[in-house]
Amino acid sequence: MKLLIRFIAAFFIALTLLTAVGCGSTQTRSGTGEYVDDSVITTKVKTLLLNEPGLSSAQINVETFKGEVQLSGFVKSQADINRAIEITRQVVGVKAVKNDMRLR
């Protein structure tokens, strides 16, 4: 009976360790915590861009991976590109901004 209890305990310890390792991040995949952080950053950036008067924010796509925000889409002027980048850099947690926006 003691052998069975030890086996079950060892099984659950191994299962717990494997689960913890599975939630970790790699260079190409963000961990659970990082994914949540990236989602929060994306939401904050989208909200700020949406609330910016004169900026065609509906045409700007925002994606975040490990704190690096990529802005893509079409805007009317270089001033809109510069303003969107400036707004994005102000968000807490943003490590870098990649600009892939194009002029229409």
C-alpha atoms as a PDB file:
ATOM      1  CA  MET A   1       0.000   0.000   0.000  1.00  0.00           C
ATOM      2  CA  LYS A   2       2.877   2.396   0.816  1.00  0.00           C
ATOM      3  CA  LEU A   3       4.394   1.728  -2.589  1.00  0.00           C
ATOM      4  CA  LEU A   4       1.137   2.734  -4.289  1.00  0.00           C
ATOM      5  CA  ILE A   5       0.953   5.975  -2.283  1.00  0.00           C
ATOM      6  CA  ARG A   6       4.557   6.815  -3.187  1.00  0.00           C
ATOM      7  CA  PHE A   7       3.868   6.103  -6.850  1.00  0.00           C
ATOM      8  CA  ILE A   8       0.783   8.332  -6.860  1.00  0.00           C
ATOM      9  CA  ALA A   9       2.669  11.129  -5.047  1.00  0.00           C
ATOM     10  CA  ALA A  10       5.568  10.918  -7.508  1.00  0.00           C
ATOM     11  CA  PHE A  11       3.120  10.961 -10.423  1.00  0.00           C
ATOM     12  CA  PHE A  12       1.409  14.140  -9.188  1.00  0.00           C
ATOM     13  CA  ILE A  13       4.730  15.868  -8.497  1.00  0.00           C
ATOM     14  CA  ALA A  14       5.904  15.039 -12.031  1.00  0.00           C
ATOM     15  CA  LEU A  15       2.586  16.214 -13.478  1.00  0.00           C
ATOM     16  CA  THR A  16       2.846  19.508 -11.580  1.00  0.00           C
ATOM     17  CA  LEU A  17       6.387  20.110 -12.821  1.00  0.00           C
ATOM     18  CA  LEU A  18       5.447  19.345 -16.413  1.00  0.00           C
ATOM     19  CA  THR A  19       2.492  21.704 -16.196  1.00  0.00           C
ATOM     20  CA  ALA A  20       4.686  24.504 -14.848  1.00  0.00           C
ATOM     21  CA  VAL A  21       7.256  23.993 -17.607  1.00  0.00           C
ATOM     22  CA  GLY A  22       4.498  23.995 -20.238  1.00  0.00           C
ATOM     23  CA  CYS A  23       3.396  27.476 -19.158  1.00  0.00           C
ATOM     24  CA  GLY A  24       6.894  28.910 -19.532  1.00  0.00           C
ATOM     25  CA  SER A  25       7.925  31.136 -22.376  1.00  0.00           C
ATOM     26  CA  THR A  26      10.349  30.517 -25.210  1.00  0.00           C
ATOM     27  CA  GLN A  27      11.885  32.841 -27.795  1.00  0.00           C
ATOM     28  CA  THR A  28       9.023  32.256 -30.207  1.00  0.00           C
ATOM     29  CA  ARG A  29       6.146  31.742 -27.760  1.00  0.00           C
ATOM     30  CA  SER A  30       5.072  33.890 -24.845  1.00  0.00           C
ATOM     31  CA  GLY A  31       4.177  32.356 -21.511  1.00  0.00           C
ATOM     32  CA  THR A  32       0.768  32.690 -19.894  1.00  0.00           C
ATOM     33  CA  GLY A  33       1.709  35.770 -17.876  1.00  0.00           C
ATOM     34  CA  GLU A  34       3.391  37.430 -20.834  1.00  0.00           C
ATOM     35  CA  TYR A  35       0.359  36.723 -23.013  1.00  0.00           C
ATOM     36  CA  VAL A  36      -1.895  38.476 -20.516  1.00  0.00           C
ATOM     37  CA  ASP A  37       0.555  41.400 -20.275  1.00  0.00           C
ATOM     38  CA  ASP A  38       0.686  41.680 -24.074  1.00  0.00           C
ATOM     39  CA  SER A  39      -3.119  41.662 -24.262  1.00  0.00           C
ATOM     40  CA  VAL A  40      -3.306  44.486 -21.731  1.00  0.00           C
ATOM     41  CA  ILE A  41      -0.718  46.526 -23.653  1.00  0.00           C
ATOM     42  CA  THR A  42      -2.562  45.961 -26.939  1.00  0.00           C
ATOM     43  CA  THR A  43      -5.859  47.047 -25.386  1.00  0.00           C
ATOM     44  CA  LYS A  44      -4.343  50.185 -23.868  1.00  0.00           C
ATOM     45  CA  VAL A  45      -2.686  51.179 -27.155  1.00  0.00           C
ATOM     46  CA  LYS A  46      -5.871  50.584 -29.160  1.00  0.00           C
ATOM     47  CA  THR A  47      -7.903  52.617 -26.655  1.00  0.00           C
ATOM     48  CA  LEU A  48      -5.488  55.549 -26.742  1.00  0.00           C
ATOM     49  CA  LEU A  49      -5.347  55.506 -30.538  1.00  0.00           C
ATOM     50  CA  LEU A  50      -9.129  55.354 -30.750  1.00  0.00           C
ATOM     51  CA  ASN A  51      -9.493  58.342 -28.415  1.00  0.00           C
ATOM     52  CA  GLU A  52      -6.984  60.452 -30.359  1.00  0.00           C
ATOM     53  CA  PRO A  53      -8.905  63.064 -32.381  1.00  0.00           C
ATOM     54  CA  GLY A  54      -8.001  63.327 -36.045  1.00  0.00           C
ATOM     55  CA  LEU A  55      -6.224  59.972 -36.136  1.00  0.00           C
ATOM     56  CA  SER A  56      -7.745  57.306 -38.404  1.00  0.00           C
ATOM     57  CA  SER A  57      -7.234  54.652 -35.745  1.00  0.00           C
ATOM     58  CA  ALA A  58      -9.709  52.223 -37.310  1.00  0.00           C
ATOM     59  CA  GLN A  59      -7.118  51.627 -40.031  1.00  0.00           C
ATOM     60  CA  ILE A  60      -4.288  50.902 -37.557  1.00  0.00           C
ATOM     61  CA  ASN A  61      -3.715  47.333 -36.394  1.00  0.00           C
ATOM     62  CA  VAL A  62      -1.919  46.712 -33.096  1.00  0.00           C
ATOM     63  CA  GLU A  63      -0.111  43.478 -32.198  1.00  0.00           C
ATOM     64  CA  THR A  64       2.085  42.892 -29.156  1.00  0.00           C
ATOM     65  CA  PHE A  65       4.641  40.142 -28.510  1.00  0.00           C
ATOM     66  CA  LYS A  66       6.762  40.189 -25.355  1.00  0.00           C
ATOM     67  CA  GLY A  67       6.286  43.937 -24.931  1.00  0.00           C
ATOM     68  CA  GLU A  68       7.171  44.807 -28.512  1.00  0.00           C
ATOM     69  CA  VAL A  69       4.266  46.521 -30.256  1.00  0.00           C
ATOM     70  CA  GLN A  70       3.835  46.390 -34.027  1.00  0.00           C
ATOM     71  CA  LEU A  71       1.670  49.023 -35.665  1.00  0.00           C
ATOM     72  CA  SER A  72       0.453  48.286 -39.173  1.00  0.00           C
ATOM     73  CA  GLY A  73      -2.201  49.532 -41.540  1.00  0.00           C
ATOM     74  CA  PHE A  74      -2.871  52.649 -43.571  1.00  0.00           C
ATOM     75  CA  VAL A  75      -2.860  56.288 -42.449  1.00  0.00           C
ATOM     76  CA  LYS A  76      -3.284  59.628 -44.190  1.00  0.00           C
ATOM     77  CA  SER A  77      -0.008  61.355 -43.344  1.00  0.00           C
ATOM     78  CA  GLN A  78       3.452  61.010 -41.836  1.00  0.00           C
ATOM     79  CA  ALA A  79       2.185  63.109 -38.920  1.00  0.00           C
ATOM     80  CA  ASP A  80      -0.379  60.369 -38.150  1.00  0.00           C
ATOM     81  CA  ILE A  81       2.405  57.760 -38.153  1.00  0.00           C
ATOM     82  CA  ASN A  82       4.529  59.854 -35.813  1.00  0.00           C
ATOM     83  CA  ARG A  83       1.585  60.520 -33.472  1.00  0.00           C
ATOM     84  CA  ALA A  84       0.613  56.828 -33.315  1.00  0.00           C
ATOM     85  CA  ILE A  85       4.192  55.854 -32.468  1.00  0.00           C
ATOM     86  CA  GLU A  86       4.407  58.581 -29.828  1.00  0.00           C
ATOM     87  CA  ILE A  87       1.152  57.448 -28.205  1.00  0.00           C
ATOM     88  CA  THR A  88       2.275  53.811 -28.226  1.00  0.00           C
ATOM     89  CA  ARG A  89       5.607  54.584 -26.561  1.00  0.00           C
ATOM     90  CA  GLN A  90       3.788  56.247 -23.652  1.00  0.00           C
ATOM     91  CA  VAL A  91       2.024  53.019 -22.633  1.00  0.00           C
ATOM     92  CA  VAL A  92       3.563  51.318 -19.609  1.00  0.00           C
ATOM     93  CA  GLY A  93       5.136  47.978 -20.538  1.00  0.00           C
ATOM     94  CA  VAL A  94       5.982  48.837 -24.131  1.00  0.00           C
ATOM     95  CA  LYS A  95       9.612  47.881 -24.745  1.00  0.00           C
ATOM     96  CA  ALA A  96       9.790  48.739 -28.448  1.00  0.00           C
ATOM     97  CA  VAL A  97       7.568  49.938 -31.287  1.00  0.00           C
ATOM     98  CA  LYS A  98       7.815  48.511 -34.796  1.00  0.00           C
ATOM     99  CA  ASN A  99       6.293  50.691 -37.477  1.00  0.00           C
ATOM    100  CA  ASP A 100       4.703  48.923 -40.430  1.00  0.00           C
ATOM    101  CA  MET A 101       2.140  51.644 -41.220  1.00  0.00           C
ATOM    102  CA  ARG A 102       1.833  52.829 -44.799  1.00  0.00           C
ATOM    103  CA  LEU A 103       0.676  56.112 -46.303  1.00  0.00           C
ATOM    104  CA  ARG A 104      -2.475  56.010 -48.353  1.00  0.00           C
END
